[in-house]
Amino acid sequence: MPLSAGLTPLQLALEKAFENGMKAMDDKAAKNTSDIAVTTSAAVIRDAGGKAFAAEASKAINTFIKTGLVSTAVVTAGSAVAQTGTGTGAIT
């Protein structure tokens, strides 16, 4: 199954998704400016980063996978004309 996009665009998209996930965590953690108490828990901060990463990474992976083509060989019983064939289709 060849993937025509190559790895470079996927890698760049995942790097961007990771950076945006880290930024989302930084943004959420920046709300912890109270001198009295921590106002945003570590779990909430990690959740924000995970959601931001997942939103972008899943799109990038989906786009990458859909660049692939599936090739099949077909062998059937019957006359010589009906015995072989091939097929190619996009991944949807």
PDB file of N, CA and C in Angstrom:
ATOM      1  N   MET A   1       0.846  -1.173   0.000  1.00  0.00           N
ATOM      2  CA  MET A   1       0.000   0.000   0.000  1.00  0.00           C
ATOM      3  C   MET A   1       0.893   1.238   0.000  1.00  0.00           C
ATOM      4  N   PRO A   2       1.123   1.841  -1.139  1.00  0.00           N
ATOM      5  CA  PRO A   2       1.966   3.039  -1.172  1.00  0.00           C
ATOM      6  C   PRO A   2       1.224   4.258  -0.611  1.00  0.00           C
ATOM      7  N   LEU A   3       1.921   5.056   0.138  1.00  0.00           N
ATOM      8  CA  LEU A   3       1.368   6.308   0.650  1.00  0.00           C
ATOM      9  C   LEU A   3       2.089   7.435  -0.063  1.00  0.00           C
ATOM     10  N   SER A   4       1.372   8.138  -0.915  1.00  0.00           N
ATOM     11  CA  SER A   4       2.015   9.088  -1.811  1.00  0.00           C
ATOM     12  C   SER A   4       2.486  10.367  -1.127  1.00  0.00           C
ATOM     13  N   ALA A   5       1.970  10.681   0.029  1.00  0.00           N
ATOM     14  CA  ALA A   5       2.348  11.933   0.684  1.00  0.00           C
ATOM     15  C   ALA A   5       3.776  11.904   1.214  1.00  0.00           C
ATOM     16  N   GLY A   6       4.303  10.744   1.505  1.00  0.00           N
ATOM     17  CA  GLY A   6       5.628  10.662   2.101  1.00  0.00           C
ATOM     18  C   GLY A   6       5.571  11.023   3.577  1.00  0.00           C
ATOM     19  N   LEU A   7       6.649  10.775   4.281  1.00  0.00           N
ATOM     20  CA  LEU A   7       6.658  10.995   5.727  1.00  0.00           C
ATOM     21  C   LEU A   7       6.901  12.443   6.139  1.00  0.00           C
ATOM     22  N   THR A   8       7.561  13.222   5.315  1.00  0.00           N
ATOM     23  CA  THR A   8       7.907  14.588   5.714  1.00  0.00           C
ATOM     24  C   THR A   8       6.686  15.438   6.059  1.00  0.00           C
ATOM     25  N   PRO A   9       5.641  15.492   5.228  1.00  0.00           N
ATOM     26  CA  PRO A   9       4.477  16.294   5.604  1.00  0.00           C
ATOM     27  C   PRO A   9       3.807  15.788   6.886  1.00  0.00           C
ATOM     28  N   LEU A  10       3.760  14.474   7.071  1.00  0.00           N
ATOM     29  CA  LEU A  10       3.176  13.925   8.296  1.00  0.00           C
ATOM     30  C   LEU A  10       4.009  14.311   9.504  1.00  0.00           C
ATOM     31  N   GLN A  11       5.318  14.182   9.391  1.00  0.00           N
ATOM     32  CA  GLN A  11       6.195  14.531  10.504  1.00  0.00           C
ATOM     33  C   GLN A  11       6.046  16.002  10.872  1.00  0.00           C
ATOM     34  N   LEU A  12       6.005  16.875   9.882  1.00  0.00           N
ATOM     35  CA  LEU A  12       5.838  18.303  10.153  1.00  0.00           C
ATOM     36  C   LEU A  12       4.504  18.596  10.829  1.00  0.00           C
ATOM     37  N   ALA A  13       3.451  17.928  10.373  1.00  0.00           N
ATOM     38  CA  ALA A  13       2.131  18.135  10.961  1.00  0.00           C
ATOM     39  C   ALA A  13       2.092  17.634  12.405  1.00  0.00           C
ATOM     40  N   LEU A  14       2.754  16.506  12.676  1.00  0.00           N
ATOM     41  CA  LEU A  14       2.779  15.989  14.042  1.00  0.00           C
ATOM     42  C   LEU A  14       3.621  16.873  14.957  1.00  0.00           C
ATOM     43  N   GLU A  15       4.714  17.410  14.438  1.00  0.00           N
ATOM     44  CA  GLU A  15       5.516  18.340  15.226  1.00  0.00           C
ATOM     45  C   GLU A  15       4.694  19.577  15.598  1.00  0.00           C
ATOM     46  N   LYS A  16       3.940  20.090  14.622  1.00  0.00           N
ATOM     47  CA  LYS A  16       3.090  21.252  14.883  1.00  0.00           C
ATOM     48  C   LYS A  16       2.012  20.903  15.911  1.00  0.00           C
ATOM     49  N   ALA A  17       1.428  19.720  15.790  1.00  0.00           N
ATOM     50  CA  ALA A  17       0.406  19.282  16.743  1.00  0.00           C
ATOM     51  C   ALA A  17       0.996  19.180  18.146  1.00  0.00           C
ATOM     52  N   PHE A  18       2.212  18.656  18.246  1.00  0.00           N
ATOM     53  CA  PHE A  18       2.874  18.544  19.550  1.00  0.00           C
ATOM     54  C   PHE A  18       3.128  19.929  20.140  1.00  0.00           C
ATOM     55  N   GLU A  19       3.645  20.835  19.308  1.00  0.00           N
ATOM     56  CA  GLU A  19       3.909  22.199  19.781  1.00  0.00           C
ATOM     57  C   GLU A  19       2.622  22.866  20.261  1.00  0.00           C
ATOM     58  N   ASN A  20       1.537  22.661  19.528  1.00  0.00           N
ATOM     59  CA  ASN A  20       0.269  23.261  19.937  1.00  0.00           C
ATOM     60  C   ASN A  20      -0.280  22.618  21.207  1.00  0.00           C
ATOM     61  N   GLY A  21      -0.020  21.333  21.386  1.00  0.00           N
ATOM     62  CA  GLY A  21      -0.396  20.667  22.633  1.00  0.00           C
ATOM     63  C   GLY A  21       0.377  21.232  23.812  1.00  0.00           C
ATOM     64  N   MET A  22       1.667  21.455  23.598  1.00  0.00           N
ATOM     65  CA  MET A  22       2.491  22.050  24.661  1.00  0.00           C
ATOM     66  C   MET A  22       2.036  23.478  24.973  1.00  0.00           C
ATOM     67  N   LYS A  23       1.683  24.240  23.926  1.00  0.00           N
ATOM     68  CA  LYS A  23       1.203  25.598  24.126  1.00  0.00           C
ATOM     69  C   LYS A  23      -0.104  25.595  24.915  1.00  0.00           C
ATOM     70  N   ALA A  24      -0.991  24.646  24.598  1.00  0.00           N
ATOM     71  CA  ALA A  24      -2.254  24.551  25.331  1.00  0.00           C
ATOM     72  C   ALA A  24      -1.999  24.273  26.813  1.00  0.00           C
ATOM     73  N   MET A  25      -1.004  23.440  27.097  1.00  0.00           N
ATOM     74  CA  MET A  25      -0.660  23.177  28.502  1.00  0.00           C
ATOM     75  C   MET A  25      -0.080  24.430  29.153  1.00  0.00           C
ATOM     76  N   ASP A  26       0.788  25.123  28.430  1.00  0.00           N
ATOM     77  CA  ASP A  26       1.353  26.367  28.967  1.00  0.00           C
ATOM     78  C   ASP A  26       0.256  27.390  29.242  1.00  0.00           C
ATOM     79  N   ASP A  27      -0.673  27.513  28.297  1.00  0.00           N
ATOM     80  CA  ASP A  27      -1.771  28.473  28.469  1.00  0.00           C
ATOM     81  C   ASP A  27      -2.612  28.125  29.681  1.00  0.00           C
ATOM     82  N   LYS A  28      -2.892  26.834  29.867  1.00  0.00           N
ATOM     83  CA  LYS A  28      -3.696  26.399  31.003  1.00  0.00           C
ATOM     84  C   LYS A  28      -2.923  26.602  32.297  1.00  0.00           C
ATOM     85  N   ALA A  29      -1.617  26.334  32.282  1.00  0.00           N
ATOM     86  CA  ALA A  29      -0.794  26.485  33.480  1.00  0.00           C
ATOM     87  C   ALA A  29      -0.588  27.952  33.839  1.00  0.00           C
ATOM     88  N   ALA A  30      -0.642  28.826  32.845  1.00  0.00           N
ATOM     89  CA  ALA A  30      -0.439  30.255  33.102  1.00  0.00           C
ATOM     90  C   ALA A  30      -1.516  30.822  34.013  1.00  0.00           C
ATOM     91  N   LYS A  31      -2.632  30.124  34.116  1.00  0.00           N
ATOM     92  CA  LYS A  31      -3.698  30.578  35.006  1.00  0.00           C
ATOM     93  C   LYS A  31      -3.359  30.334  36.478  1.00  0.00           C
ATOM     94  N   ASN A  32      -2.269  29.612  36.737  1.00  0.00           N
ATOM     95  CA  ASN A  32      -1.828  29.339  38.109  1.00  0.00           C
ATOM     96  C   ASN A  32      -0.989  30.491  38.642  1.00  0.00           C
ATOM     97  N   THR A  33      -1.528  31.663  38.631  1.00  0.00           N
ATOM     98  CA  THR A  33      -0.772  32.834  39.070  1.00  0.00           C
ATOM     99  C   THR A  33      -1.175  33.308  40.456  1.00  0.00           C
ATOM    100  N   SER A  34      -2.105  32.624  41.062  1.00  0.00           N
ATOM    101  CA  SER A  34      -2.563  33.021  42.394  1.00  0.00           C
ATOM    102  C   SER A  34      -1.479  32.732  43.426  1.00  0.00           C
ATOM    103  N   ASP A  35      -1.215  33.679  44.312  1.00  0.00           N
ATOM    104  CA  ASP A  35      -0.267  33.472  45.402  1.00  0.00           C
ATOM    105  C   ASP A  35      -0.876  32.603  46.495  1.00  0.00           C
ATOM    106  N   ILE A  36      -2.170  32.451  46.460  1.00  0.00           N
ATOM    107  CA  ILE A  36      -2.869  31.729  47.524  1.00  0.00           C
ATOM    108  C   ILE A  36      -2.860  30.221  47.277  1.00  0.00           C
ATOM    109  N   ALA A  37      -3.173  29.806  46.062  1.00  0.00           N
ATOM    110  CA  ALA A  37      -3.278  28.371  45.787  1.00  0.00           C
ATOM    111  C   ALA A  37      -3.139  28.104  44.292  1.00  0.00           C
ATOM    112  N   VAL A  38      -2.848  26.858  43.985  1.00  0.00           N
ATOM    113  CA  VAL A  38      -2.835  26.430  42.592  1.00  0.00           C
ATOM    114  C   VAL A  38      -4.285  26.360  42.136  1.00  0.00           C
ATOM    115  N   THR A  39      -4.589  27.063  41.065  1.00  0.00           N
ATOM    116  CA  THR A  39      -5.978  27.143  40.627  1.00  0.00           C
ATOM    117  C   THR A  39      -6.319  26.165  39.509  1.00  0.00           C
ATOM    118  N   THR A  40      -5.306  25.619  38.849  1.00  0.00           N
ATOM    119  CA  THR A  40      -5.542  24.645  37.783  1.00  0.00           C
ATOM    120  C   THR A  40      -4.703  23.411  38.078  1.00  0.00           C
ATOM    121  N   SER A  41      -5.368  22.269  38.174  1.00  0.00           N
ATOM    122  CA  SER A  41      -4.646  21.043  38.535  1.00  0.00           C
ATOM    123  C   SER A  41      -3.772  20.555  37.377  1.00  0.00           C
ATOM    124  N   ALA A  42      -2.786  19.740  37.713  1.00  0.00           N
ATOM    125  CA  ALA A  42      -1.908  19.161  36.700  1.00  0.00           C
ATOM    126  C   ALA A  42      -2.704  18.302  35.723  1.00  0.00           C
ATOM    127  N   ALA A  43      -3.719  17.608  36.208  1.00  0.00           N
ATOM    128  CA  ALA A  43      -4.537  16.764  35.332  1.00  0.00           C
ATOM    129  C   ALA A  43      -5.282  17.603  34.296  1.00  0.00           C
ATOM    130  N   VAL A  44      -5.787  18.752  34.703  1.00  0.00           N
ATOM    131  CA  VAL A  44      -6.495  19.631  33.770  1.00  0.00           C
ATOM    132  C   VAL A  44      -5.523  20.184  32.735  1.00  0.00           C
ATOM    133  N   ILE A  45      -4.328  20.513  33.167  1.00  0.00           N
ATOM    134  CA  ILE A  45      -3.300  21.022  32.247  1.00  0.00           C
ATOM    135  C   ILE A  45      -2.924  19.954  31.221  1.00  0.00           C
ATOM    136  N   ARG A  46      -2.681  18.717  31.694  1.00  0.00           N
ATOM    137  CA  ARG A  46      -2.339  17.617  30.778  1.00  0.00           C
ATOM    138  C   ARG A  46      -3.492  17.320  29.825  1.00  0.00           C
ATOM    139  N   ASP A  47      -4.712  17.385  30.328  1.00  0.00           N
ATOM    140  CA  ASP A  47      -5.884  17.136  29.498  1.00  0.00           C
ATOM    141  C   ASP A  47      -5.983  18.159  28.362  1.00  0.00           C
ATOM    142  N   ALA A  48      -5.717  19.409  28.673  1.00  0.00           N
ATOM    143  CA  ALA A  48      -5.762  20.458  27.644  1.00  0.00           C
ATOM    144  C   ALA A  48      -4.727  20.186  26.552  1.00  0.00           C
ATOM    145  N   GLY A  49      -3.529  19.804  26.964  1.00  0.00           N
ATOM    146  CA  GLY A  49      -2.481  19.493  25.997  1.00  0.00           C
ATOM    147  C   GLY A  49      -2.812  18.277  25.157  1.00  0.00           C
ATOM    148  N   GLY A  50      -3.345  17.255  25.801  1.00  0.00           N
ATOM    149  CA  GLY A  50      -3.712  16.038  25.085  1.00  0.00           C
ATOM    150  C   GLY A  50      -4.800  16.284  24.053  1.00  0.00           C
ATOM    151  N   LYS A  51      -5.797  17.064  24.437  1.00  0.00           N
ATOM    152  CA  LYS A  51      -6.892  17.354  23.510  1.00  0.00           C
ATOM    153  C   LYS A  51      -6.417  18.188  22.323  1.00  0.00           C
ATOM    154  N   ALA A  52      -5.562  19.161  22.581  1.00  0.00           N
ATOM    155  CA  ALA A  52      -5.038  19.992  21.496  1.00  0.00           C
ATOM    156  C   ALA A  52      -4.196  19.150  20.537  1.00  0.00           C
ATOM    157  N   PHE A  53      -3.346  18.281  21.084  1.00  0.00           N
ATOM    158  CA  PHE A  53      -2.524  17.412  20.244  1.00  0.00           C
ATOM    159  C   PHE A  53      -3.398  16.464  19.438  1.00  0.00           C
ATOM    160  N   ALA A  54      -4.342  15.821  20.099  1.00  0.00           N
ATOM    161  CA  ALA A  54      -5.189  14.836  19.428  1.00  0.00           C
ATOM    162  C   ALA A  54      -5.988  15.451  18.289  1.00  0.00           C
ATOM    163  N   ALA A  55      -6.482  16.657  18.488  1.00  0.00           N
ATOM    164  CA  ALA A  55      -7.289  17.306  17.451  1.00  0.00           C
ATOM    165  C   ALA A  55      -6.485  17.504  16.170  1.00  0.00           C
ATOM    166  N   GLU A  56      -5.251  17.933  16.298  1.00  0.00           N
ATOM    167  CA  GLU A  56      -4.425  18.175  15.109  1.00  0.00           C
ATOM    168  C   GLU A  56      -3.781  16.906  14.582  1.00  0.00           C
ATOM    169  N   ALA A  57      -3.290  16.067  15.472  1.00  0.00           N
ATOM    170  CA  ALA A  57      -2.594  14.853  15.039  1.00  0.00           C
ATOM    171  C   ALA A  57      -3.545  13.908  14.311  1.00  0.00           C
ATOM    172  N   SER A  58      -4.762  13.787  14.795  1.00  0.00           N
ATOM    173  CA  SER A  58      -5.700  12.872  14.145  1.00  0.00           C
ATOM    174  C   SER A  58      -6.019  13.329  12.722  1.00  0.00           C
ATOM    175  N   LYS A  59      -6.119  14.624  12.509  1.00  0.00           N
ATOM    176  CA  LYS A  59      -6.355  15.139  11.153  1.00  0.00           C
ATOM    177  C   LYS A  59      -5.157  14.831  10.253  1.00  0.00           C
ATOM    178  N   ALA A  60      -3.958  15.041  10.781  1.00  0.00           N
ATOM    179  CA  ALA A  60      -2.746  14.803   9.991  1.00  0.00           C
ATOM    180  C   ALA A  60      -2.609  13.332   9.620  1.00  0.00           C
ATOM    181  N   ILE A  61      -2.873  12.457  10.563  1.00  0.00           N
ATOM    182  CA  ILE A  61      -2.759  11.017  10.311  1.00  0.00           C
ATOM    183  C   ILE A  61      -3.826  10.576   9.307  1.00  0.00           C
ATOM    184  N   ASN A  62      -5.033  11.076   9.472  1.00  0.00           N
ATOM    185  CA  ASN A  62      -6.124  10.742   8.553  1.00  0.00           C
ATOM    186  C   ASN A  62      -5.783  11.184   7.127  1.00  0.00           C
ATOM    187  N   THR A  63      -5.280  12.398   6.985  1.00  0.00           N
ATOM    188  CA  THR A  63      -4.890  12.908   5.667  1.00  0.00           C
ATOM    189  C   THR A  63      -3.785  12.049   5.068  1.00  0.00           C
ATOM    190  N   PHE A  64      -2.798  11.687   5.882  1.00  0.00           N
ATOM    191  CA  PHE A  64      -1.680  10.868   5.417  1.00  0.00           C
ATOM    192  C   PHE A  64      -2.163   9.499   4.938  1.00  0.00           C
ATOM    193  N   ILE A  65      -3.002   8.860   5.712  1.00  0.00           N
ATOM    194  CA  ILE A  65      -3.484   7.528   5.350  1.00  0.00           C
ATOM    195  C   ILE A  65      -4.288   7.571   4.062  1.00  0.00           C
ATOM    196  N   LYS A  66      -5.071   8.627   3.893  1.00  0.00           N
ATOM    197  CA  LYS A  66      -5.906   8.712   2.695  1.00  0.00           C
ATOM    198  C   LYS A  66      -5.112   8.981   1.417  1.00  0.00           C
ATOM    199  N   THR A  67      -3.807   9.216   1.530  1.00  0.00           N
ATOM    200  CA  THR A  67      -2.987   9.342   0.325  1.00  0.00           C
ATOM    201  C   THR A  67      -2.638   7.973  -0.243  1.00  0.00           C
ATOM    202  N   GLY A  68      -2.935   6.913   0.494  1.00  0.00           N
ATOM    203  CA  GLY A  68      -2.569   5.576   0.058  1.00  0.00           C
ATOM    204  C   GLY A  68      -3.523   5.021  -0.975  1.00  0.00           C
ATOM    205  N   LEU A  69      -3.022   4.086  -1.732  1.00  0.00           N
ATOM    206  CA  LEU A  69      -3.830   3.336  -2.685  1.00  0.00           C
ATOM    207  C   LEU A  69      -3.711   1.858  -2.351  1.00  0.00           C
ATOM    208  N   VAL A  70      -4.805   1.161  -2.455  1.00  0.00           N
ATOM    209  CA  VAL A  70      -4.808  -0.274  -2.221  1.00  0.00           C
ATOM    210  C   VAL A  70      -4.851  -0.960  -3.576  1.00  0.00           C
ATOM    211  N   SER A  71      -3.882  -1.824  -3.815  1.00  0.00           N
ATOM    212  CA  SER A  71      -3.843  -2.579  -5.076  1.00  0.00           C
ATOM    213  C   SER A  71      -4.165  -4.031  -4.775  1.00  0.00           C
ATOM    214  N   THR A  72      -4.979  -4.631  -5.598  1.00  0.00           N
ATOM    215  CA  THR A  72      -5.351  -6.023  -5.396  1.00  0.00           C
ATOM    216  C   THR A  72      -5.154  -6.806  -6.685  1.00  0.00           C
ATOM    217  N   ALA A  73      -4.864  -8.072  -6.537  1.00  0.00           N
ATOM    218  CA  ALA A  73      -4.818  -8.991  -7.672  1.00  0.00           C
ATOM    219  C   ALA A  73      -6.040  -9.889  -7.560  1.00  0.00           C
ATOM    220  N   VAL A  74      -6.692 -10.128  -8.660  1.00  0.00           N
ATOM    221  CA  VAL A  74      -7.919 -10.921  -8.664  1.00  0.00           C
ATOM    222  C   VAL A  74      -7.705 -12.171  -9.512  1.00  0.00           C
ATOM    223  N   VAL A  75      -8.019 -13.322  -8.955  1.00  0.00           N
ATOM    224  CA  VAL A  75      -7.933 -14.577  -9.698  1.00  0.00           C
ATOM    225  C   VAL A  75      -9.286 -15.263  -9.557  1.00  0.00           C
ATOM    226  N   THR A  76      -9.899 -15.619 -10.665  1.00  0.00           N
ATOM    227  CA  THR A  76     -11.206 -16.276 -10.639  1.00  0.00           C
ATOM    228  C   THR A  76     -11.185 -17.520 -11.494  1.00  0.00           C
ATOM    229  N   ALA A  77     -12.144 -18.372 -11.251  1.00  0.00           N
ATOM    230  CA  ALA A  77     -12.290 -19.581 -12.069  1.00  0.00           C
ATOM    231  C   ALA A  77     -13.053 -19.220 -13.336  1.00  0.00           C
ATOM    232  N   GLY A  78     -12.859 -19.978 -14.356  1.00  0.00           N
ATOM    233  CA  GLY A  78     -13.606 -19.745 -15.585  1.00  0.00           C
ATOM    234  C   GLY A  78     -12.694 -19.705 -16.789  1.00  0.00           C
ATOM    235  N   SER A  79     -13.136 -19.024 -17.806  1.00  0.00           N
ATOM    236  CA  SER A  79     -12.362 -18.946 -19.040  1.00  0.00           C
ATOM    237  C   SER A  79     -11.071 -18.173 -18.818  1.00  0.00           C
ATOM    238  N   ALA A  80     -10.151 -18.282 -19.738  1.00  0.00           N
ATOM    239  CA  ALA A  80      -8.865 -17.596 -19.612  1.00  0.00           C
ATOM    240  C   ALA A  80      -9.039 -16.095 -19.489  1.00  0.00           C
ATOM    241  N   VAL A  81     -10.016 -15.546 -20.156  1.00  0.00           N
ATOM    242  CA  VAL A  81     -10.257 -14.101 -20.101  1.00  0.00           C
ATOM    243  C   VAL A  81     -10.714 -13.679 -18.704  1.00  0.00           C
ATOM    244  N   ALA A  82     -11.460 -14.540 -18.014  1.00  0.00           N
ATOM    245  CA  ALA A  82     -12.040 -14.191 -16.718  1.00  0.00           C
ATOM    246  C   ALA A  82     -11.158 -14.568 -15.539  1.00  0.00           C
ATOM    247  N   GLN A  83      -9.966 -15.078 -15.794  1.00  0.00           N
ATOM    248  CA  GLN A  83      -9.177 -15.622 -14.697  1.00  0.00           C
ATOM    249  C   GLN A  83      -8.331 -14.611 -13.939  1.00  0.00           C
ATOM    250  N   THR A  84      -7.942 -13.509 -14.510  1.00  0.00           N
ATOM    251  CA  THR A  84      -7.067 -12.593 -13.781  1.00  0.00           C
ATOM    252  C   THR A  84      -7.546 -11.156 -13.939  1.00  0.00           C
ATOM    253  N   GLY A  85      -7.106 -10.323 -13.040  1.00  0.00           N
ATOM    254  CA  GLY A  85      -7.423  -8.920 -13.100  1.00  0.00           C
ATOM    255  C   GLY A  85      -6.744  -8.178 -11.959  1.00  0.00           C
ATOM    256  N   THR A  86      -6.798  -6.905 -11.991  1.00  0.00           N
ATOM    257  CA  THR A  86      -6.223  -6.097 -10.910  1.00  0.00           C
ATOM    258  C   THR A  86      -7.189  -4.979 -10.576  1.00  0.00           C
ATOM    259  N   GLY A  87      -6.978  -4.376  -9.439  1.00  0.00           N
ATOM    260  CA  GLY A  87      -7.805  -3.251  -9.045  1.00  0.00           C
ATOM    261  C   GLY A  87      -7.012  -2.288  -8.169  1.00  0.00           C
ATOM    262  N   THR A  88      -7.315  -1.045  -8.251  1.00  0.00           N
ATOM    263  CA  THR A  88      -6.685  -0.023  -7.415  1.00  0.00           C
ATOM    264  C   THR A  88      -7.772   0.892  -6.906  1.00  0.00           C
ATOM    265  N   GLY A  89      -7.695   1.226  -5.638  1.00  0.00           N
ATOM    266  CA  GLY A  89      -8.702   2.124  -5.082  1.00  0.00           C
ATOM    267  C   GLY A  89      -8.112   2.981  -3.988  1.00  0.00           C
ATOM    268  N   ALA A  90      -8.668   4.154  -3.839  1.00  0.00           N
ATOM    269  CA  ALA A  90      -8.225   5.068  -2.785  1.00  0.00           C
ATOM    270  C   ALA A  90      -8.763   4.623  -1.446  1.00  0.00           C
ATOM    271  N   ILE A  91      -8.049   4.957  -0.399  1.00  0.00           N
ATOM    272  CA  ILE A  91      -8.485   4.671   0.969  1.00  0.00           C
ATOM    273  C   ILE A  91      -9.451   5.780   1.367  1.00  0.00           C
ATOM    274  N   THR A  92     -10.610   5.387   1.837  1.00  0.00           N
ATOM    275  CA  THR A  92     -11.605   6.382   2.264  1.00  0.00           C
ATOM    276  C   THR A  92     -11.963   6.182   3.709  1.00  0.00           C
TER     277      THR A  92
END
